[in-house]
Amino acid sequence: MSTKIKIKPLSVNKCWQGKRFKTKEYKNYELLVLHLLPVLSVPHGNLRLIIQVGMSNSLSDLDNVIKPFQDILQKKYSFNDKAIHELIMKKEKVGKGEEFINFEIEKI
């Protein structure tokens, strides 16, 4: 069942006061992910991003890992993430050391 509330969604950029800085851990993660990502061509136009995340901690919030990864995809593949009109996210419980991120970017 779908429920609609009439309110303007609040951007994460509006949730925090002052400048945010990347942590050393995030900078290292970004460099590693940029290195691991394959060469791909992202189509122009409205996009669908499908992400499946394997997490060893079932208490981890799925949405917390999506935005940093999405920002890295944007950087690697030179597209603006405002082109993402559909986002499909899935979380899978995996063993420690078996964590992963699987993704697809497609035109809709």
PDB file of N, CA and C in Angstrom:
ATOM      1  N   MET A   1       0.846  -1.179   0.000  1.00  0.00           N
ATOM      2  CA  MET A   1       0.000   0.000   0.000  1.00  0.00           C
ATOM      3  C   MET A   1       0.886   1.235   0.000  1.00  0.00           C
ATOM      4  N   SER A   2       0.591   2.171  -0.869  1.00  0.00           N
ATOM      5  CA  SER A   2       1.352   3.407  -0.985  1.00  0.00           C
ATOM      6  C   SER A   2       0.720   4.489  -0.120  1.00  0.00           C
ATOM      7  N   THR A   3       1.557   5.255   0.557  1.00  0.00           N
ATOM      8  CA  THR A   3       1.090   6.366   1.387  1.00  0.00           C
ATOM      9  C   THR A   3       1.796   7.630   0.939  1.00  0.00           C
ATOM     10  N   LYS A   4       1.044   8.669   0.699  1.00  0.00           N
ATOM     11  CA  LYS A   4       1.607   9.943   0.240  1.00  0.00           C
ATOM     12  C   LYS A   4       1.414  10.995   1.316  1.00  0.00           C
ATOM     13  N   ILE A   5       2.508  11.698   1.665  1.00  0.00           N
ATOM     14  CA  ILE A   5       2.387  12.840   2.569  1.00  0.00           C
ATOM     15  C   ILE A   5       2.810  14.079   1.800  1.00  0.00           C
ATOM     16  N   LYS A   6       2.105  15.160   1.966  1.00  0.00           N
ATOM     17  CA  LYS A   6       2.367  16.384   1.213  1.00  0.00           C
ATOM     18  C   LYS A   6       3.354  17.258   1.979  1.00  0.00           C
ATOM     19  N   ILE A   7       4.652  17.007   1.702  1.00  0.00           N
ATOM     20  CA  ILE A   7       5.723  17.785   2.315  1.00  0.00           C
ATOM     21  C   ILE A   7       6.918  17.735   1.376  1.00  0.00           C
ATOM     22  N   LYS A   8       7.659  18.825   1.313  1.00  0.00           N
ATOM     23  CA  LYS A   8       8.861  18.848   0.498  1.00  0.00           C
ATOM     24  C   LYS A   8       9.931  18.017   1.194  1.00  0.00           C
ATOM     25  N   PRO A   9      10.505  17.012   0.485  1.00  0.00           N
ATOM     26  CA  PRO A   9      11.558  16.198   1.109  1.00  0.00           C
ATOM     27  C   PRO A   9      12.768  17.050   1.470  1.00  0.00           C
ATOM     28  N   LEU A  10      13.394  16.733   2.595  1.00  0.00           N
ATOM     29  CA  LEU A  10      14.568  17.472   3.063  1.00  0.00           C
ATOM     30  C   LEU A  10      15.829  16.796   2.576  1.00  0.00           C
ATOM     31  N   SER A  11      16.664  17.563   1.895  1.00  0.00           N
ATOM     32  CA  SER A  11      17.937  17.068   1.389  1.00  0.00           C
ATOM     33  C   SER A  11      18.907  16.844   2.529  1.00  0.00           C
ATOM     34  N   VAL A  12      19.792  15.855   2.376  1.00  0.00           N
ATOM     35  CA  VAL A  12      20.827  15.623   3.381  1.00  0.00           C
ATOM     36  C   VAL A  12      21.699  16.871   3.529  1.00  0.00           C
ATOM     37  N   ASN A  13      21.848  17.656   2.460  1.00  0.00           N
ATOM     38  CA  ASN A  13      22.616  18.900   2.523  1.00  0.00           C
ATOM     39  C   ASN A  13      21.991  19.927   3.462  1.00  0.00           C
ATOM     40  N   LYS A  14      20.696  19.833   3.680  1.00  0.00           N
ATOM     41  CA  LYS A  14      19.995  20.755   4.576  1.00  0.00           C
ATOM     42  C   LYS A  14      19.927  20.236   6.014  1.00  0.00           C
ATOM     43  N   CYS A  15      20.423  19.040   6.247  1.00  0.00           N
ATOM     44  CA  CYS A  15      20.325  18.426   7.568  1.00  0.00           C
ATOM     45  C   CYS A  15      21.452  18.818   8.509  1.00  0.00           C
ATOM     46  N   TRP A  16      22.555  19.341   7.997  1.00  0.00           N
ATOM     47  CA  TRP A  16      23.721  19.617   8.817  1.00  0.00           C
ATOM     48  C   TRP A  16      24.129  21.064   8.679  1.00  0.00           C
ATOM     49  N   GLN A  17      24.616  21.643   9.756  1.00  0.00           N
ATOM     50  CA  GLN A  17      25.078  23.019   9.770  1.00  0.00           C
ATOM     51  C   GLN A  17      26.582  23.055   9.566  1.00  0.00           C
ATOM     52  N   GLY A  18      27.035  24.012   8.818  1.00  0.00           N
ATOM     53  CA  GLY A  18      28.477  24.157   8.636  1.00  0.00           C
ATOM     54  C   GLY A  18      29.025  23.221   7.574  1.00  0.00           C
ATOM     55  N   LYS A  19      30.303  23.334   7.344  1.00  0.00           N
ATOM     56  CA  LYS A  19      30.983  22.541   6.324  1.00  0.00           C
ATOM     57  C   LYS A  19      31.260  21.140   6.849  1.00  0.00           C
ATOM     58  N   ARG A  20      31.032  20.158   5.986  1.00  0.00           N
ATOM     59  CA  ARG A  20      31.358  18.774   6.313  1.00  0.00           C
ATOM     60  C   ARG A  20      32.665  18.422   5.625  1.00  0.00           C
ATOM     61  N   PHE A  21      33.486  17.650   6.286  1.00  0.00           N
ATOM     62  CA  PHE A  21      34.779  17.259   5.748  1.00  0.00           C
ATOM     63  C   PHE A  21      34.836  15.746   5.615  1.00  0.00           C
ATOM     64  N   LYS A  22      35.483  15.279   4.539  1.00  0.00           N
ATOM     65  CA  LYS A  22      35.674  13.847   4.354  1.00  0.00           C
ATOM     66  C   LYS A  22      36.670  13.344   5.401  1.00  0.00           C
ATOM     67  N   THR A  23      36.341  12.205   5.987  1.00  0.00           N
ATOM     68  CA  THR A  23      37.267  11.585   6.933  1.00  0.00           C
ATOM     69  C   THR A  23      38.395  10.912   6.153  1.00  0.00           C
ATOM     70  N   LYS A  24      39.471  10.595   6.844  1.00  0.00           N
ATOM     71  CA  LYS A  24      40.578   9.876   6.220  1.00  0.00           C
ATOM     72  C   LYS A  24      40.086   8.511   5.729  1.00  0.00           C
ATOM     73  N   GLU A  25      39.224   7.875   6.511  1.00  0.00           N
ATOM     74  CA  GLU A  25      38.668   6.572   6.132  1.00  0.00           C
ATOM     75  C   GLU A  25      37.882   6.670   4.822  1.00  0.00           C
ATOM     76  N   TYR A  26      37.072   7.738   4.689  1.00  0.00           N
ATOM     77  CA  TYR A  26      36.289   7.927   3.463  1.00  0.00           C
ATOM     78  C   TYR A  26      37.215   8.219   2.278  1.00  0.00           C
ATOM     79  N   LYS A  27      38.222   9.039   2.468  1.00  0.00           N
ATOM     80  CA  LYS A  27      39.170   9.336   1.384  1.00  0.00           C
ATOM     81  C   LYS A  27      39.852   8.062   0.890  1.00  0.00           C
ATOM     82  N   ASN A  28      40.275   7.197   1.820  1.00  0.00           N
ATOM     83  CA  ASN A  28      40.896   5.925   1.451  1.00  0.00           C
ATOM     84  C   ASN A  28      39.900   5.009   0.726  1.00  0.00           C
ATOM     85  N   TYR A  29      38.677   4.966   1.230  1.00  0.00           N
ATOM     86  CA  TYR A  29      37.615   4.168   0.618  1.00  0.00           C
ATOM     87  C   TYR A  29      37.348   4.653  -0.805  1.00  0.00           C
ATOM     88  N   GLU A  30      37.258   5.955  -0.965  1.00  0.00           N
ATOM     89  CA  GLU A  30      36.996   6.546  -2.282  1.00  0.00           C
ATOM     90  C   GLU A  30      38.089   6.149  -3.278  1.00  0.00           C
ATOM     91  N   LEU A  31      39.344   6.268  -2.878  1.00  0.00           N
ATOM     92  CA  LEU A  31      40.459   5.897  -3.758  1.00  0.00           C
ATOM     93  C   LEU A  31      40.400   4.415  -4.130  1.00  0.00           C
ATOM     94  N   LEU A  32      40.107   3.562  -3.162  1.00  0.00           N
ATOM     95  CA  LEU A  32      40.031   2.131  -3.415  1.00  0.00           C
ATOM     96  C   LEU A  32      38.883   1.791  -4.369  1.00  0.00           C
ATOM     97  N   VAL A  33      37.708   2.355  -4.107  1.00  0.00           N
ATOM     98  CA  VAL A  33      36.547   2.082  -4.962  1.00  0.00           C
ATOM     99  C   VAL A  33      36.789   2.612  -6.375  1.00  0.00           C
ATOM    100  N   LEU A  34      37.355   3.815  -6.501  1.00  0.00           N
ATOM    101  CA  LEU A  34      37.659   4.353  -7.828  1.00  0.00           C
ATOM    102  C   LEU A  34      38.585   3.411  -8.596  1.00  0.00           C
ATOM    103  N   HIS A  35      39.536   2.824  -7.898  1.00  0.00           N
ATOM    104  CA  HIS A  35      40.464   1.880  -8.511  1.00  0.00           C
ATOM    105  C   HIS A  35      39.769   0.573  -8.917  1.00  0.00           C
ATOM    106  N   LEU A  36      38.834   0.103  -8.103  1.00  0.00           N
ATOM    107  CA  LEU A  36      38.166  -1.174  -8.344  1.00  0.00           C
ATOM    108  C   LEU A  36      37.059  -1.113  -9.399  1.00  0.00           C
ATOM    109  N   LEU A  37      36.478   0.073  -9.593  1.00  0.00           N
ATOM    110  CA  LEU A  37      35.374   0.191 -10.548  1.00  0.00           C
ATOM    111  C   LEU A  37      35.860  -0.064 -11.974  1.00  0.00           C
ATOM    112  N   PRO A  38      35.088  -0.832 -12.744  1.00  0.00           N
ATOM    113  CA  PRO A  38      35.481  -1.108 -14.127  1.00  0.00           C
ATOM    114  C   PRO A  38      35.233   0.097 -15.034  1.00  0.00           C
ATOM    115  N   VAL A  39      35.795   0.041 -16.222  1.00  0.00           N
ATOM    116  CA  VAL A  39      35.529   1.062 -17.228  1.00  0.00           C
ATOM    117  C   VAL A  39      34.121   0.812 -17.764  1.00  0.00           C
ATOM    118  N   LEU A  40      33.269   1.817 -17.657  1.00  0.00           N
ATOM    119  CA  LEU A  40      31.888   1.731 -18.132  1.00  0.00           C
ATOM    120  C   LEU A  40      31.507   3.034 -18.812  1.00  0.00           C
ATOM    121  N   SER A  41      30.521   2.959 -19.647  1.00  0.00           N
ATOM    122  CA  SER A  41      29.944   4.152 -20.256  1.00  0.00           C
ATOM    123  C   SER A  41      28.537   4.321 -19.699  1.00  0.00           C
ATOM    124  N   VAL A  42      28.295   5.432 -19.028  1.00  0.00           N
ATOM    125  CA  VAL A  42      26.974   5.696 -18.456  1.00  0.00           C
ATOM    126  C   VAL A  42      26.154   6.448 -19.500  1.00  0.00           C
ATOM    127  N   PRO A  43      24.959   5.956 -19.818  1.00  0.00           N
ATOM    128  CA  PRO A  43      24.135   6.633 -20.825  1.00  0.00           C
ATOM    129  C   PRO A  43      23.664   8.005 -20.345  1.00  0.00           C
ATOM    130  N   HIS A  44      23.338   8.861 -21.297  1.00  0.00           N
ATOM    131  CA  HIS A  44      22.781  10.182 -20.971  1.00  0.00           C
ATOM    132  C   HIS A  44      21.280  10.045 -20.761  1.00  0.00           C
ATOM    133  N   GLY A  45      20.711  10.975 -20.035  1.00  0.00           N
ATOM    134  CA  GLY A  45      19.275  10.977 -19.793  1.00  0.00           C
ATOM    135  C   GLY A  45      18.945  10.494 -18.396  1.00  0.00           C
ATOM    136  N   ASN A  46      17.676  10.181 -18.202  1.00  0.00           N
ATOM    137  CA  ASN A  46      17.202   9.702 -16.902  1.00  0.00           C
ATOM    138  C   ASN A  46      17.731   8.293 -16.642  1.00  0.00           C
ATOM    139  N   LEU A  47      18.226   8.090 -15.425  1.00  0.00           N
ATOM    140  CA  LEU A  47      18.890   6.836 -15.095  1.00  0.00           C
ATOM    141  C   LEU A  47      18.204   6.088 -13.967  1.00  0.00           C
ATOM    142  N   ARG A  48      18.391   4.776 -13.979  1.00  0.00           N
ATOM    143  CA  ARG A  48      17.987   3.900 -12.889  1.00  0.00           C
ATOM    144  C   ARG A  48      19.283   3.335 -12.308  1.00  0.00           C
ATOM    145  N   LEU A  49      19.440   3.447 -10.995  1.00  0.00           N
ATOM    146  CA  LEU A  49      20.586   2.873 -10.305  1.00  0.00           C
ATOM    147  C   LEU A  49      20.075   1.730  -9.438  1.00  0.00           C
ATOM    148  N   ILE A  50      20.616   0.549  -9.690  1.00  0.00           N
ATOM    149  CA  ILE A  50      20.249  -0.642  -8.925  1.00  0.00           C
ATOM    150  C   ILE A  50      21.479  -1.047  -8.118  1.00  0.00           C
ATOM    151  N   ILE A  51      21.329  -1.096  -6.813  1.00  0.00           N
ATOM    152  CA  ILE A  51      22.446  -1.428  -5.940  1.00  0.00           C
ATOM    153  C   ILE A  51      22.044  -2.559  -5.004  1.00  0.00           C
ATOM    154  N   GLN A  52      22.896  -3.576  -4.940  1.00  0.00           N
ATOM    155  CA  GLN A  52      22.749  -4.663  -3.980  1.00  0.00           C
ATOM    156  C   GLN A  52      23.989  -4.637  -3.104  1.00  0.00           C
ATOM    157  N   VAL A  53      23.800  -4.602  -1.800  1.00  0.00           N
ATOM    158  CA  VAL A  53      24.905  -4.502  -0.858  1.00  0.00           C
ATOM    159  C   VAL A  53      24.913  -5.736   0.033  1.00  0.00           C
ATOM    160  N   GLY A  54      26.052  -6.396   0.085  1.00  0.00           N
ATOM    161  CA  GLY A  54      26.233  -7.519   1.003  1.00  0.00           C
ATOM    162  C   GLY A  54      26.870  -6.991   2.275  1.00  0.00           C
ATOM    163  N   MET A  55      26.164  -7.113   3.390  1.00  0.00           N
ATOM    164  CA  MET A  55      26.627  -6.573   4.670  1.00  0.00           C
ATOM    165  C   MET A  55      26.707  -7.679   5.707  1.00  0.00           C
ATOM    166  N   SER A  56      27.806  -7.683   6.450  1.00  0.00           N
ATOM    167  CA  SER A  56      27.964  -8.709   7.482  1.00  0.00           C
ATOM    168  C   SER A  56      27.235  -8.331   8.766  1.00  0.00           C
ATOM    169  N   ASN A  57      26.959  -7.051   8.960  1.00  0.00           N
ATOM    170  CA  ASN A  57      26.235  -6.596  10.149  1.00  0.00           C
ATOM    171  C   ASN A  57      24.796  -6.305   9.742  1.00  0.00           C
ATOM    172  N   SER A  58      23.878  -7.139  10.148  1.00  0.00           N
ATOM    173  CA  SER A  58      22.473  -6.973   9.751  1.00  0.00           C
ATOM    174  C   SER A  58      21.836  -5.728  10.365  1.00  0.00           C
ATOM    175  N   LEU A  59      22.504  -5.105  11.337  1.00  0.00           N
ATOM    176  CA  LEU A  59      21.981  -3.880  11.940  1.00  0.00           C
ATOM    177  C   LEU A  59      22.367  -2.632  11.152  1.00  0.00           C
ATOM    178  N   SER A  60      23.248  -2.767  10.158  1.00  0.00           N
ATOM    179  CA  SER A  60      23.686  -1.623   9.359  1.00  0.00           C
ATOM    180  C   SER A  60      22.533  -1.096   8.513  1.00  0.00           C
ATOM    181  N   ASP A  61      22.446   0.231   8.423  1.00  0.00           N
ATOM    182  CA  ASP A  61      21.421   0.870   7.606  1.00  0.00           C
ATOM    183  C   ASP A  61      21.847   0.870   6.149  1.00  0.00           C
ATOM    184  N   LEU A  62      21.006   0.360   5.297  1.00  0.00           N
ATOM    185  CA  LEU A  62      21.284   0.289   3.870  1.00  0.00           C
ATOM    186  C   LEU A  62      21.510   1.671   3.269  1.00  0.00           C
ATOM    187  N   ASP A  63      20.671   2.614   3.619  1.00  0.00           N
ATOM    188  CA  ASP A  63      20.770   3.940   3.002  1.00  0.00           C
ATOM    189  C   ASP A  63      22.050   4.688   3.389  1.00  0.00           C
ATOM    190  N   ASN A  64      22.664   4.330   4.504  1.00  0.00           N
ATOM    191  CA  ASN A  64      23.894   5.017   4.921  1.00  0.00           C
ATOM    192  C   ASN A  64      25.075   4.726   3.998  1.00  0.00           C
ATOM    193  N   VAL A  65      25.078   3.583   3.342  1.00  0.00           N
ATOM    194  CA  VAL A  65      26.199   3.245   2.457  1.00  0.00           C
ATOM    195  C   VAL A  65      25.941   3.650   1.011  1.00  0.00           C
ATOM    196  N   ILE A  66      24.717   3.997   0.687  1.00  0.00           N
ATOM    197  CA  ILE A  66      24.368   4.292  -0.707  1.00  0.00           C
ATOM    198  C   ILE A  66      24.929   5.636  -1.172  1.00  0.00           C
ATOM    199  N   LYS A  67      24.733   6.698  -0.425  1.00  0.00           N
ATOM    200  CA  LYS A  67      25.136   8.031  -0.888  1.00  0.00           C
ATOM    201  C   LYS A  67      26.642   8.143  -1.129  1.00  0.00           C
ATOM    202  N   PRO A  68      27.504   7.686  -0.223  1.00  0.00           N
ATOM    203  CA  PRO A  68      28.940   7.771  -0.538  1.00  0.00           C
ATOM    204  C   PRO A  68      29.294   6.989  -1.801  1.00  0.00           C
ATOM    205  N   PHE A  69      28.725   5.796  -1.965  1.00  0.00           N
ATOM    206  CA  PHE A  69      29.010   4.991  -3.155  1.00  0.00           C
ATOM    207  C   PHE A  69      28.484   5.673  -4.411  1.00  0.00           C
ATOM    208  N   GLN A  70      27.297   6.230  -4.324  1.00  0.00           N
ATOM    209  CA  GLN A  70      26.698   6.956  -5.453  1.00  0.00           C
ATOM    210  C   GLN A  70      27.575   8.144  -5.846  1.00  0.00           C
ATOM    211  N   ASP A  71      28.094   8.866  -4.871  1.00  0.00           N
ATOM    212  CA  ASP A  71      28.978  10.001  -5.159  1.00  0.00           C
ATOM    213  C   ASP A  71      30.267   9.548  -5.850  1.00  0.00           C
ATOM    214  N   ILE A  72      30.779   8.393  -5.469  1.00  0.00           N
ATOM    215  CA  ILE A  72      31.987   7.860  -6.101  1.00  0.00           C
ATOM    216  C   ILE A  72      31.682   7.433  -7.537  1.00  0.00           C
ATOM    217  N   LEU A  73      30.522   6.816  -7.755  1.00  0.00           N
ATOM    218  CA  LEU A  73      30.118   6.465  -9.123  1.00  0.00           C
ATOM    219  C   LEU A  73      30.055   7.707 -10.003  1.00  0.00           C
ATOM    220  N   GLN A  74      29.480   8.760  -9.465  1.00  0.00           N
ATOM    221  CA  GLN A  74      29.353  10.026 -10.190  1.00  0.00           C
ATOM    222  C   GLN A  74      30.727  10.564 -10.576  1.00  0.00           C
ATOM    223  N   LYS A  75      31.660  10.484  -9.650  1.00  0.00           N
ATOM    224  CA  LYS A  75      33.017  10.968  -9.893  1.00  0.00           C
ATOM    225  C   LYS A  75      33.727  10.116 -10.955  1.00  0.00           C
ATOM    226  N   LYS A  76      33.623   8.792 -10.840  1.00  0.00           N
ATOM    227  CA  LYS A  76      34.301   7.872 -11.753  1.00  0.00           C
ATOM    228  C   LYS A  76      33.770   7.986 -13.179  1.00  0.00           C
ATOM    229  N   TYR A  77      32.446   8.047 -13.306  1.00  0.00           N
ATOM    230  CA  TYR A  77      31.821   7.952 -14.619  1.00  0.00           C
ATOM    231  C   TYR A  77      31.346   9.288 -15.177  1.00  0.00           C
ATOM    232  N   SER A  78      31.702  10.372 -14.512  1.00  0.00           N
ATOM    233  CA  SER A  78      31.443  11.737 -15.010  1.00  0.00           C
ATOM    234  C   SER A  78      29.979  11.967 -15.400  1.00  0.00           C
ATOM    235  N   PHE A  79      29.089  11.677 -14.477  1.00  0.00           N
ATOM    236  CA  PHE A  79      27.682  12.013 -14.670  1.00  0.00           C
ATOM    237  C   PHE A  79      27.181  12.711 -13.417  1.00  0.00           C
ATOM    238  N   ASN A  80      26.086  13.422 -13.540  1.00  0.00           N
ATOM    239  CA  ASN A  80      25.504  14.112 -12.399  1.00  0.00           C
ATOM    240  C   ASN A  80      24.434  13.208 -11.794  1.00  0.00           C
ATOM    241  N   ASP A  81      24.545  12.952 -10.494  1.00  0.00           N
ATOM    242  CA  ASP A  81      23.595  12.018  -9.878  1.00  0.00           C
ATOM    243  C   ASP A  81      22.166  12.551  -9.823  1.00  0.00           C
ATOM    244  N   LYS A  82      21.958  13.795 -10.221  1.00  0.00           N
ATOM    245  CA  LYS A  82      20.577  14.280 -10.326  1.00  0.00           C
ATOM    246  C   LYS A  82      19.854  13.591 -11.487  1.00  0.00           C
ATOM    247  N   ALA A  83      20.617  12.928 -12.366  1.00  0.00           N
ATOM    248  CA  ALA A  83      20.019  12.171 -13.475  1.00  0.00           C
ATOM    249  C   ALA A  83      19.413  10.854 -12.994  1.00  0.00           C
ATOM    250  N   ILE A  84      19.687  10.459 -11.764  1.00  0.00           N
ATOM    251  CA  ILE A  84      19.118   9.225 -11.222  1.00  0.00           C
ATOM    252  C   ILE A  84      17.675   9.507 -10.805  1.00  0.00           C
ATOM    253  N   HIS A  85      16.757   8.928 -11.564  1.00  0.00           N
ATOM    254  CA  HIS A  85      15.331   9.120 -11.301  1.00  0.00           C
ATOM    255  C   HIS A  85      14.710   7.915 -10.613  1.00  0.00           C
ATOM    256  N   GLU A  86      15.435   6.829 -10.606  1.00  0.00           N
ATOM    257  CA  GLU A  86      14.938   5.628  -9.939  1.00  0.00           C
ATOM    258  C   GLU A  86      16.115   4.953  -9.244  1.00  0.00           C
ATOM    259  N   LEU A  87      15.910   4.591  -7.988  1.00  0.00           N
ATOM    260  CA  LEU A  87      16.941   3.941  -7.198  1.00  0.00           C
ATOM    261  C   LEU A  87      16.345   2.696  -6.559  1.00  0.00           C
ATOM    262  N   ILE A  88      16.951   1.556  -6.864  1.00  0.00           N
ATOM    263  CA  ILE A  88      16.509   0.287  -6.294  1.00  0.00           C
ATOM    264  C   ILE A  88      17.644  -0.210  -5.403  1.00  0.00           C
ATOM    265  N   MET A  89      17.351  -0.412  -4.128  1.00  0.00           N
ATOM    266  CA  MET A  89      18.367  -0.816  -3.160  1.00  0.00           C
ATOM    267  C   MET A  89      17.965  -2.135  -2.526  1.00  0.00           C
ATOM    268  N   LYS A  90      18.963  -3.014  -2.367  1.00  0.00           N
ATOM    269  CA  LYS A  90      18.729  -4.292  -1.701  1.00  0.00           C
ATOM    270  C   LYS A  90      19.886  -4.571  -0.761  1.00  0.00           C
ATOM    271  N   LYS A  91      19.569  -5.156   0.378  1.00  0.00           N
ATOM    272  CA  LYS A  91      20.588  -5.538   1.354  1.00  0.00           C
ATOM    273  C   LYS A  91      20.552  -7.047   1.524  1.00  0.00           C
ATOM    274  N   GLU A  92      21.736  -7.640   1.567  1.00  0.00           N
ATOM    275  CA  GLU A  92      21.864  -9.082   1.752  1.00  0.00           C
ATOM    276  C   GLU A  92      22.808  -9.334   2.921  1.00  0.00           C
ATOM    277  N   LYS A  93      22.445 -10.246   3.792  1.00  0.00           N
ATOM    278  CA  LYS A  93      23.296 -10.627   4.920  1.00  0.00           C
ATOM    279  C   LYS A  93      24.351 -11.602   4.418  1.00  0.00           C
ATOM    280  N   VAL A  94      25.621 -11.269   4.680  1.00  0.00           N
ATOM    281  CA  VAL A  94      26.740 -12.130   4.280  1.00  0.00           C
ATOM    282  C   VAL A  94      27.678 -12.307   5.468  1.00  0.00           C
ATOM    283  N   GLY A  95      28.578 -13.245   5.366  1.00  0.00           N
ATOM    284  CA  GLY A  95      29.554 -13.471   6.418  1.00  0.00           C
ATOM    285  C   GLY A  95      30.606 -12.374   6.450  1.00  0.00           C
ATOM    286  N   LYS A  96      31.244 -12.218   7.597  1.00  0.00           N
ATOM    287  CA  LYS A  96      32.306 -11.235   7.759  1.00  0.00           C
ATOM    288  C   LYS A  96      33.424 -11.537   6.756  1.00  0.00           C
ATOM    289  N   GLY A  97      33.878 -10.501   6.060  1.00  0.00           N
ATOM    290  CA  GLY A  97      34.894 -10.663   5.031  1.00  0.00           C
ATOM    291  C   GLY A  97      34.315 -10.957   3.650  1.00  0.00           C
ATOM    292  N   GLU A  98      33.000 -11.152   3.559  1.00  0.00           N
ATOM    293  CA  GLU A  98      32.329 -11.443   2.286  1.00  0.00           C
ATOM    294  C   GLU A  98      31.504 -10.250   1.787  1.00  0.00           C
ATOM    295  N   GLU A  99      31.698  -9.076   2.371  1.00  0.00           N
ATOM    296  CA  GLU A  99      30.919  -7.887   1.998  1.00  0.00           C
ATOM    297  C   GLU A  99      31.159  -7.530   0.525  1.00  0.00           C
ATOM    298  N   PHE A 100      30.141  -6.931  -0.100  1.00  0.00           N
ATOM    299  CA  PHE A 100      30.262  -6.535  -1.504  1.00  0.00           C
ATOM    300  C   PHE A 100      29.266  -5.435  -1.844  1.00  0.00           C
ATOM    301  N   ILE A 101      29.496  -4.804  -2.993  1.00  0.00           N
ATOM    302  CA  ILE A 101      28.523  -3.891  -3.597  1.00  0.00           C
ATOM    303  C   ILE A 101      28.403  -4.295  -5.062  1.00  0.00           C
ATOM    304  N   ASN A 102      27.192  -4.564  -5.496  1.00  0.00           N
ATOM    305  CA  ASN A 102      26.889  -4.884  -6.883  1.00  0.00           C
ATOM    306  C   ASN A 102      25.989  -3.765  -7.401  1.00  0.00           C
ATOM    307  N   PHE A 103      26.247  -3.274  -8.617  1.00  0.00           N
ATOM    308  CA  PHE A 103      25.437  -2.175  -9.118  1.00  0.00           C
ATOM    309  C   PHE A 103      25.219  -2.261 -10.619  1.00  0.00           C
ATOM    310  N   GLU A 104      24.143  -1.623 -11.059  1.00  0.00           N
ATOM    311  CA  GLU A 104      23.839  -1.438 -12.474  1.00  0.00           C
ATOM    312  C   GLU A 104      23.354  -0.007 -12.652  1.00  0.00           C
ATOM    313  N   ILE A 105      23.756   0.610 -13.749  1.00  0.00           N
ATOM    314  CA  ILE A 105      23.256   1.930 -14.119  1.00  0.00           C
ATOM    315  C   ILE A 105      22.656   1.774 -15.503  1.00  0.00           C
ATOM    316  N   GLU A 106      21.373   2.109 -15.634  1.00  0.00           N
ATOM    317  CA  GLU A 106      20.714   1.954 -16.923  1.00  0.00           C
ATOM    318  C   GLU A 106      19.814   3.137 -17.225  1.00  0.00           C
ATOM    319  N   LYS A 107      19.617   3.370 -18.493  1.00  0.00           N
ATOM    320  CA  LYS A 107      18.737   4.462 -18.936  1.00  0.00           C
ATOM    321  C   LYS A 107      17.290   4.021 -18.796  1.00  0.00           C
ATOM    322  N   ILE A 108      16.437   4.952 -18.351  1.00  0.00           N
ATOM    323  CA  ILE A 108      14.996   4.636 -18.282  1.00  0.00           C
ATOM    324  C   ILE A 108      14.233   5.575 -19.191  1.00  0.00           C
TER     325      ILE A 108
END
